[in-house]
Amino acid sequence: MNTTRRAQASALCSSSGMPHSWPPWRAAVSMVALSGLLCFVGACNGKRHSFAQPDDDSPSQGIDGLNPAATDGGANGGGTTQGNGEPAPRQLGSACAANAGCNSGFCAAGRCCESACEGLCEACSETGLCNSAAEGLTCGDAAEGIESLCDGEGRCVDPRALLGAACQSDRDCQDRACVDGVCCAEACDGDCEACNGSGRCVADPLTSGCGDARQCFGRGLCQQTLGSTCTTGDDCGSGTCELAVGGGSACCAAPCANGTLCNSDGECVSPDIDLGTACATGSECIGGRCFDGRCCDVACGAACERCNAPGQEGRCVAEPGGQQDPACALGLECAGRDQCK
């Protein structure tokens, strides 16, 4: 209410002819309107009540004169204010709109966080801790048509670099090593080794076939089996090459004592004087074994083995690799003693 209207109201109360003090028995109160001004007649005892509205540019007042804008209105998590009217900083995990609204000084994705947590594969938890984002979350483009993925340890990686990922060619793997259908940590193309599902190069199972009369004895070790022809111990999985029954040398399970020879099963035995001699039945041989018309050192009737090889009569040896044998299924060839492939 401006000064002029206050004066008019005061004059009204003073000129009404009413005493400034009403008797106690007088309880009635009259209201008089003049030019839009209101005044309680019963209040003309010297106490004037102003009903003026604040000017448009005057500060808004709330209950008991408090400023209703004394909070941050929820922009900083709906918290309280400090004594200077500024929003109080929030604890870790609280909702926020800006760094200044957090005790830590970091507002990450609308939450007060322990750090800026700005990595492609970082995310602020509900408790305000900056953790690694979930594994498999996309985080960019590794190449045309290929999205990079979070690896669960805070790194954004090319999925082609993930060891063990399925592949069809070296081009599918960042390290250019597609082995056995998976991206491998190395070329893994040696004897008796293969890439497993984790992308690691490991040895093939022992006794796996790896060539003519050869087996795996460890990663990179494709060697002759017991009883096979050898030149030195390095040729044999057992590491031992001994004089063989019927002549030559054979891979033996252990060194043979003087006077004994290595037979076709890799065992040291006493030589029989009739090994290799012609026979028609087993009864004609000291050991009772007649195969391929020769007294033989061991039973020699399985596929792809013979006891009459030139220069090795009396000793059961493998047929040459790739040779057909009636004992093999149709389309298979000899690949060692009792082995058709």
Protein backbone atom coordinates (compact mmCIF):
# COMPACT_ATOMS: atom_id res chain seq x y z
CA MET A 1 0.00 0.00 0.00
CA ASN A 2 1.48 3.35 -1.02
CA THR A 3 1.75 6.46 1.18
CA THR A 4 -1.36 8.21 -0.15
CA ARG A 5 -3.64 5.26 0.56
CA ARG A 6 -2.17 4.75 4.01
CA ALA A 7 -3.01 8.42 4.79
CA GLN A 8 -6.58 7.96 3.53
CA ALA A 9 -7.08 4.93 5.73
CA SER A 10 -5.69 6.77 8.74
CA ALA A 11 -7.97 9.75 8.12
CA LEU A 12 -10.97 7.47 7.84
CA CYS A 13 -10.27 5.95 11.22
CA SER A 14 -9.64 9.36 12.81
CA SER A 15 -12.66 11.18 11.33
CA SER A 16 -15.23 8.54 11.89
CA GLY A 17 -16.19 10.16 15.18
CA MET A 18 -15.54 6.90 16.93
CA PRO A 19 -13.54 7.02 20.12
CA HIS A 20 -10.06 5.56 20.02
CA SER A 21 -10.99 3.22 22.81
CA TRP A 22 -14.14 1.16 22.72
CA PRO A 23 -15.94 0.03 25.91
CA PRO A 24 -15.41 -3.62 26.85
CA TRP A 25 -19.09 -4.44 26.26
CA ARG A 26 -18.84 -3.29 22.68
CA ALA A 27 -17.87 -6.39 20.71
CA ALA A 28 -19.31 -5.55 17.37
CA VAL A 29 -16.83 -4.69 14.65
CA SER A 30 -17.77 -2.74 11.54
CA MET A 31 -16.00 -2.82 8.25
CA VAL A 32 -16.02 0.23 6.04
CA ALA A 33 -14.86 0.24 2.44
CA LEU A 34 -13.53 3.40 0.93
CA SER A 35 -11.90 3.50 -2.53
CA GLY A 36 -10.93 -0.16 -2.24
CA LEU A 37 -9.30 0.36 1.18
CA LEU A 38 -10.19 -1.78 4.16
CA CYS A 39 -9.98 -0.85 7.81
CA PHE A 40 -11.26 -2.57 10.92
CA VAL A 41 -13.26 0.12 12.76
CA GLY A 42 -12.69 -1.67 16.05
CA ALA A 43 -8.95 -1.28 15.39
CA CYS A 44 -9.06 2.53 15.42
CA ASN A 45 -7.79 2.60 18.96
CA GLY A 46 -4.40 3.62 17.71
CA LYS A 47 -3.22 0.32 16.20
CA ARG A 48 -3.34 0.38 12.43
CA HIS A 49 -3.22 -2.81 10.38
CA SER A 50 -1.87 -2.61 6.88
CA PHE A 51 -3.18 -5.03 4.27
CA ALA A 52 -0.95 -3.65 1.55
CA GLN A 53 0.48 -6.14 -0.99
CA PRO A 54 4.23 -6.11 -1.60
CA ASP A 55 5.52 -4.34 -4.69
CA ASP A 56 6.37 -6.60 -7.60
CA ASP A 57 10.08 -5.97 -7.18
CA SER A 58 10.17 -6.50 -3.44
CA PRO A 59 11.66 -9.76 -2.08
CA SER A 60 9.07 -12.51 -1.57
CA GLN A 61 8.52 -13.42 2.04
CA GLY A 62 7.40 -16.73 3.41
CA ILE A 63 6.43 -17.93 6.81
CA ASP A 64 8.13 -15.87 9.57
CA GLY A 65 9.97 -13.94 6.89
CA LEU A 66 11.89 -17.00 5.59
CA ASN A 67 12.84 -17.11 1.93
CA PRO A 68 10.94 -20.07 0.37
CA ALA A 69 13.81 -20.45 -2.10
CA ALA A 70 16.18 -21.48 0.71
CA THR A 71 16.74 -24.94 -0.81
CA ASP A 72 18.15 -25.99 -4.15
CA GLY A 73 14.70 -27.04 -5.30
CA GLY A 74 15.90 -30.60 -5.85
CA ALA A 75 18.36 -29.68 -8.57
CA ASN A 76 21.10 -31.00 -6.35
CA GLY A 77 19.24 -33.90 -4.92
CA GLY A 78 16.63 -31.98 -2.93
CA GLY A 79 18.99 -31.37 -0.04
CA THR A 80 19.32 -28.66 2.55
CA THR A 81 21.23 -25.40 2.39
CA GLN A 82 24.21 -23.93 4.09
CA GLY A 83 24.05 -20.76 6.20
CA ASN A 84 24.85 -18.64 3.15
CA GLY A 85 21.84 -20.02 1.26
CA GLU A 86 24.00 -22.19 -1.03
CA PRO A 87 23.03 -25.89 -1.48
CA ALA A 88 24.80 -28.20 0.94
CA PRO A 89 27.23 -30.65 -0.79
CA ARG A 90 25.98 -34.22 -1.08
CA GLN A 91 27.49 -37.53 0.03
CA LEU A 92 28.71 -40.30 -2.33
CA GLY A 93 25.83 -41.93 -4.16
CA SER A 94 23.48 -38.94 -3.79
CA ALA A 95 21.73 -37.45 -6.81
CA CYS A 96 23.42 -34.38 -8.25
CA ALA A 97 23.39 -31.96 -11.14
CA ALA A 98 26.90 -30.50 -11.00
CA ASN A 99 30.32 -31.21 -9.47
CA ALA A 100 29.87 -28.40 -6.94
CA GLY A 101 26.92 -30.25 -5.42
CA CYS A 102 29.08 -33.16 -4.20
CA ASN A 103 31.50 -33.42 -1.29
CA SER A 104 33.85 -35.35 -3.56
CA GLY A 105 33.69 -32.65 -6.21
CA PHE A 106 32.59 -35.18 -8.85
CA CYS A 107 29.07 -35.56 -10.24
CA ALA A 108 29.08 -38.51 -12.66
CA ALA A 109 25.93 -39.39 -14.59
CA GLY A 110 23.71 -37.68 -12.00
CA ARG A 111 25.33 -39.28 -8.96
CA CYS A 112 28.00 -38.02 -6.53
CA CYS A 113 31.04 -40.20 -7.25
CA GLU A 114 34.49 -40.74 -5.79
CA SER A 115 36.10 -39.63 -9.07
CA ALA A 116 35.22 -38.23 -12.48
CA CYS A 117 34.62 -41.83 -13.64
CA GLU A 118 34.82 -40.78 -17.29
CA GLY A 119 36.36 -43.92 -18.81
CA LEU A 120 34.49 -45.60 -21.64
CA CYS A 121 34.19 -48.72 -19.52
CA GLU A 122 33.66 -47.14 -16.09
CA ALA A 123 30.40 -46.60 -14.23
CA CYS A 124 29.58 -45.01 -10.88
CA SER A 125 27.80 -47.42 -8.53
CA GLU A 126 24.84 -46.62 -6.29
CA THR A 127 27.30 -46.17 -3.44
CA GLY A 128 29.35 -43.65 -5.40
CA LEU A 129 32.28 -45.92 -6.27
CA CYS A 130 33.77 -45.85 -9.76
CA ASN A 131 33.74 -49.47 -10.95
CA SER A 132 34.36 -51.28 -14.22
CA ALA A 133 31.37 -51.39 -16.51
CA ALA A 134 29.70 -54.71 -17.23
CA GLU A 135 31.55 -57.09 -19.54
CA GLY A 136 30.19 -57.06 -23.07
CA LEU A 137 28.91 -53.47 -22.94
CA THR A 138 29.55 -51.70 -26.25
CA CYS A 139 32.00 -48.81 -25.98
CA GLY A 140 32.86 -47.72 -29.51
CA ASP A 141 33.74 -48.95 -33.00
CA ALA A 142 36.77 -51.20 -33.44
CA ALA A 143 36.40 -51.27 -37.21
CA GLU A 144 33.71 -50.95 -39.80
CA GLY A 145 30.84 -53.15 -38.69
CA ILE A 146 32.68 -54.28 -35.52
CA GLU A 147 31.86 -52.76 -32.12
CA SER A 148 34.40 -52.56 -29.32
CA LEU A 149 33.34 -54.16 -26.04
CA CYS A 150 34.11 -53.63 -22.36
CA ASP A 151 36.17 -56.53 -21.02
CA GLY A 152 34.90 -56.34 -17.41
CA GLU A 153 38.20 -54.87 -16.20
CA GLY A 154 37.61 -51.29 -17.29
CA ARG A 155 39.13 -51.68 -20.76
CA CYS A 156 37.43 -51.05 -24.09
CA VAL A 157 38.76 -53.72 -26.43
CA ASP A 158 38.41 -54.91 -29.96
CA PRO A 159 36.39 -58.15 -29.69
CA ARG A 160 38.70 -59.68 -32.26
CA ALA A 161 41.47 -59.43 -29.68
CA LEU A 162 39.59 -61.61 -27.20
CA LEU A 163 41.39 -64.93 -27.03
CA GLY A 164 39.10 -67.83 -27.76
CA ALA A 165 36.70 -65.82 -29.95
CA ALA A 166 35.33 -67.81 -32.87
CA CYS A 167 36.96 -67.12 -36.22
CA GLN A 168 37.09 -68.39 -39.77
CA SER A 169 40.36 -66.81 -40.89
CA ASP A 170 43.30 -64.82 -39.54
CA ARG A 171 41.53 -61.62 -40.62
CA ASP A 172 38.90 -62.22 -37.94
CA CYS A 173 41.52 -61.98 -35.19
CA GLN A 174 43.35 -58.81 -34.22
CA ASP A 175 46.57 -60.75 -33.72
CA ARG A 176 46.09 -62.50 -37.06
CA ALA A 177 46.12 -66.01 -35.56
CA CYS A 178 43.01 -68.05 -36.23
CA VAL A 179 43.80 -71.61 -35.15
CA ASP A 180 41.37 -74.49 -34.94
CA GLY A 181 38.44 -72.05 -35.29
CA VAL A 182 39.41 -69.72 -32.43
CA CYS A 183 41.58 -66.61 -32.07
CA CYS A 184 44.81 -67.88 -30.54
CA ALA A 185 47.61 -66.18 -28.64
CA GLU A 186 50.16 -67.61 -31.08
CA ALA A 187 50.41 -69.39 -34.40
CA CYS A 188 50.17 -72.82 -32.70
CA ASP A 189 50.94 -74.68 -35.92
CA GLY A 190 53.60 -77.09 -34.69
CA ASP A 191 53.38 -80.85 -34.23
CA CYS A 192 51.08 -82.15 -31.52
CA GLU A 193 49.65 -78.78 -30.44
CA ALA A 194 46.26 -77.13 -30.77
CA CYS A 195 44.52 -73.97 -29.63
CA ASN A 196 41.94 -74.53 -26.89
CA GLY A 197 38.70 -72.65 -26.26
CA SER A 198 40.52 -70.02 -24.20
CA GLY A 199 42.86 -69.11 -27.04
CA ARG A 200 45.89 -70.87 -25.50
CA CYS A 201 48.16 -73.21 -27.41
CA VAL A 202 48.33 -76.57 -25.62
CA ALA A 203 49.66 -80.06 -26.32
CA ASP A 204 47.52 -82.65 -28.06
CA PRO A 205 46.52 -85.63 -25.92
CA LEU A 206 49.24 -88.25 -25.50
CA THR A 207 49.05 -91.15 -27.95
CA SER A 208 47.26 -88.96 -30.53
CA GLY A 209 48.32 -90.00 -34.02
CA CYS A 210 50.49 -87.51 -35.86
CA GLY A 211 51.91 -89.35 -38.85
CA ASP A 212 53.10 -92.70 -40.19
CA ALA A 213 53.62 -94.94 -37.13
CA ARG A 214 54.03 -91.84 -34.97
CA GLN A 215 52.23 -90.53 -31.90
CA CYS A 216 52.23 -87.38 -29.77
CA PHE A 217 54.44 -87.45 -26.70
CA GLY A 218 54.06 -83.80 -25.77
CA ARG A 219 53.73 -80.41 -27.42
CA GLY A 220 55.89 -80.40 -30.55
CA LEU A 221 56.92 -84.04 -30.03
CA CYS A 222 55.64 -86.29 -32.80
CA GLN A 223 57.76 -89.42 -32.42
CA GLN A 224 57.93 -93.11 -33.18
CA THR A 225 55.92 -95.52 -31.09
CA LEU A 226 57.28 -98.56 -29.27
CA GLY A 227 58.53 -101.21 -31.67
CA SER A 228 58.84 -98.79 -34.60
CA THR A 229 62.01 -98.56 -36.66
CA CYS A 230 64.45 -95.94 -35.38
CA THR A 231 67.93 -94.58 -35.87
CA THR A 232 68.54 -92.83 -32.53
CA GLY A 233 66.70 -92.39 -29.28
CA ASP A 234 65.50 -88.95 -30.44
CA ASP A 235 63.26 -90.72 -32.93
CA CYS A 236 61.39 -92.50 -30.16
CA GLY A 237 58.81 -91.27 -27.73
CA SER A 238 60.46 -93.46 -25.12
CA GLY A 239 63.87 -91.97 -25.90
CA THR A 240 65.40 -95.46 -26.36
CA CYS A 241 66.41 -97.10 -29.65
CA GLU A 242 67.72 -100.69 -29.30
CA LEU A 243 68.84 -103.55 -31.56
CA ALA A 244 65.75 -105.28 -32.77
CA VAL A 245 64.70 -108.87 -33.24
CA GLY A 246 65.21 -109.79 -36.91
CA GLY A 247 67.75 -107.00 -37.51
CA GLY A 248 67.83 -103.24 -37.47
CA SER A 249 66.81 -101.12 -34.49
CA ALA A 250 63.50 -100.45 -32.78
CA CYS A 251 62.08 -98.02 -30.21
CA CYS A 252 62.11 -99.88 -26.90
CA ALA A 253 60.47 -99.10 -23.58
CA ALA A 254 63.83 -99.40 -21.79
CA PRO A 255 67.44 -100.22 -22.63
CA CYS A 256 67.90 -103.94 -23.32
CA ALA A 257 70.43 -106.01 -21.36
CA ASN A 258 73.22 -107.75 -23.19
CA GLY A 259 71.98 -110.68 -25.19
CA THR A 260 68.45 -109.42 -25.53
CA LEU A 261 66.77 -107.65 -28.38
CA CYS A 262 63.82 -105.29 -28.72
CA ASN A 263 60.74 -106.89 -30.22
CA SER A 264 57.92 -105.27 -32.16
CA ASP A 265 56.05 -104.40 -28.93
CA GLY A 266 59.05 -102.46 -27.57
CA GLU A 267 59.99 -105.16 -25.07
CA CYS A 268 63.44 -106.68 -24.53
CA VAL A 269 63.33 -110.44 -25.20
CA SER A 270 65.70 -113.37 -25.71
CA PRO A 271 66.12 -113.98 -29.44
CA ASP A 272 64.63 -117.14 -30.84
CA ILE A 273 66.88 -118.85 -33.31
CA ASP A 274 64.05 -119.61 -35.67
CA LEU A 275 62.64 -116.10 -36.02
CA GLY A 276 62.25 -115.29 -39.70
CA THR A 277 62.44 -118.85 -40.88
CA ALA A 278 59.78 -120.11 -43.28
CA CYS A 279 56.70 -121.73 -41.76
CA ALA A 280 53.19 -122.82 -42.61
CA THR A 281 51.69 -123.09 -39.14
CA GLY A 282 52.52 -121.90 -35.65
CA SER A 283 53.53 -125.36 -34.60
CA GLU A 284 56.61 -125.04 -36.76
CA CYS A 285 57.91 -122.07 -34.75
CA ILE A 286 59.48 -122.14 -31.31
CA GLY A 287 57.34 -119.26 -30.17
CA GLY A 288 54.23 -120.71 -31.84
CA ARG A 289 53.75 -117.63 -34.03
CA CYS A 290 53.70 -118.05 -37.77
CA PHE A 291 52.55 -115.00 -39.76
CA ASP A 292 52.97 -114.19 -43.39
CA GLY A 293 54.88 -117.47 -43.80
CA ARG A 294 57.54 -116.57 -41.21
CA CYS A 295 58.15 -117.45 -37.58
CA CYS A 296 57.37 -114.08 -35.98
CA ASP A 297 58.42 -112.38 -32.75
CA VAL A 298 54.87 -111.36 -31.81
CA ALA A 299 51.33 -111.94 -33.03
CA CYS A 300 51.18 -110.07 -36.34
CA GLY A 301 47.75 -110.49 -37.87
CA ALA A 302 46.19 -107.04 -37.46
CA ALA A 303 45.63 -104.52 -40.23
CA CYS A 304 48.61 -102.83 -41.83
CA GLU A 305 51.30 -105.05 -40.29
CA ARG A 306 53.47 -107.84 -41.71
CA CYS A 307 56.18 -110.24 -40.56
CA ASN A 308 57.92 -110.84 -43.87
CA ALA A 309 59.24 -107.38 -44.79
CA PRO A 310 62.52 -107.73 -46.73
CA GLY A 311 65.48 -107.56 -44.36
CA GLN A 312 63.18 -107.76 -41.33
CA GLU A 313 61.80 -111.26 -41.61
CA GLY A 314 60.54 -112.59 -38.31
CA ARG A 315 59.74 -109.13 -36.98
CA CYS A 316 56.23 -107.66 -37.08
CA VAL A 317 56.46 -104.24 -38.72
CA ALA A 318 53.99 -101.72 -40.18
CA GLU A 319 53.03 -101.71 -43.84
CA PRO A 320 54.28 -98.62 -45.71
CA GLY A 321 52.08 -95.55 -45.11
CA GLY A 322 49.35 -94.96 -47.69
CA GLN A 323 49.21 -98.60 -48.75
CA GLN A 324 45.89 -100.34 -49.14
CA ASP A 325 45.12 -103.26 -46.84
CA PRO A 326 42.09 -105.53 -47.07
CA ALA A 327 41.67 -105.24 -43.32
CA CYS A 328 41.05 -101.47 -43.61
CA ALA A 329 37.60 -100.09 -44.33
CA LEU A 330 36.90 -98.95 -47.86
CA GLY A 331 38.70 -95.72 -48.67
CA LEU A 332 41.13 -95.91 -45.74
CA GLU A 333 44.87 -96.44 -46.00
CA CYS A 334 47.59 -97.75 -43.71
CA ALA A 335 49.05 -95.29 -41.20
CA GLY A 336 50.99 -97.59 -38.89
CA ARG A 337 50.56 -100.94 -37.22
CA ASP A 338 46.87 -101.63 -36.75
CA GLN A 339 46.05 -98.09 -37.93
CA CYS A 340 43.85 -97.23 -40.91
CA LYS A 341 43.13 -93.61 -41.88
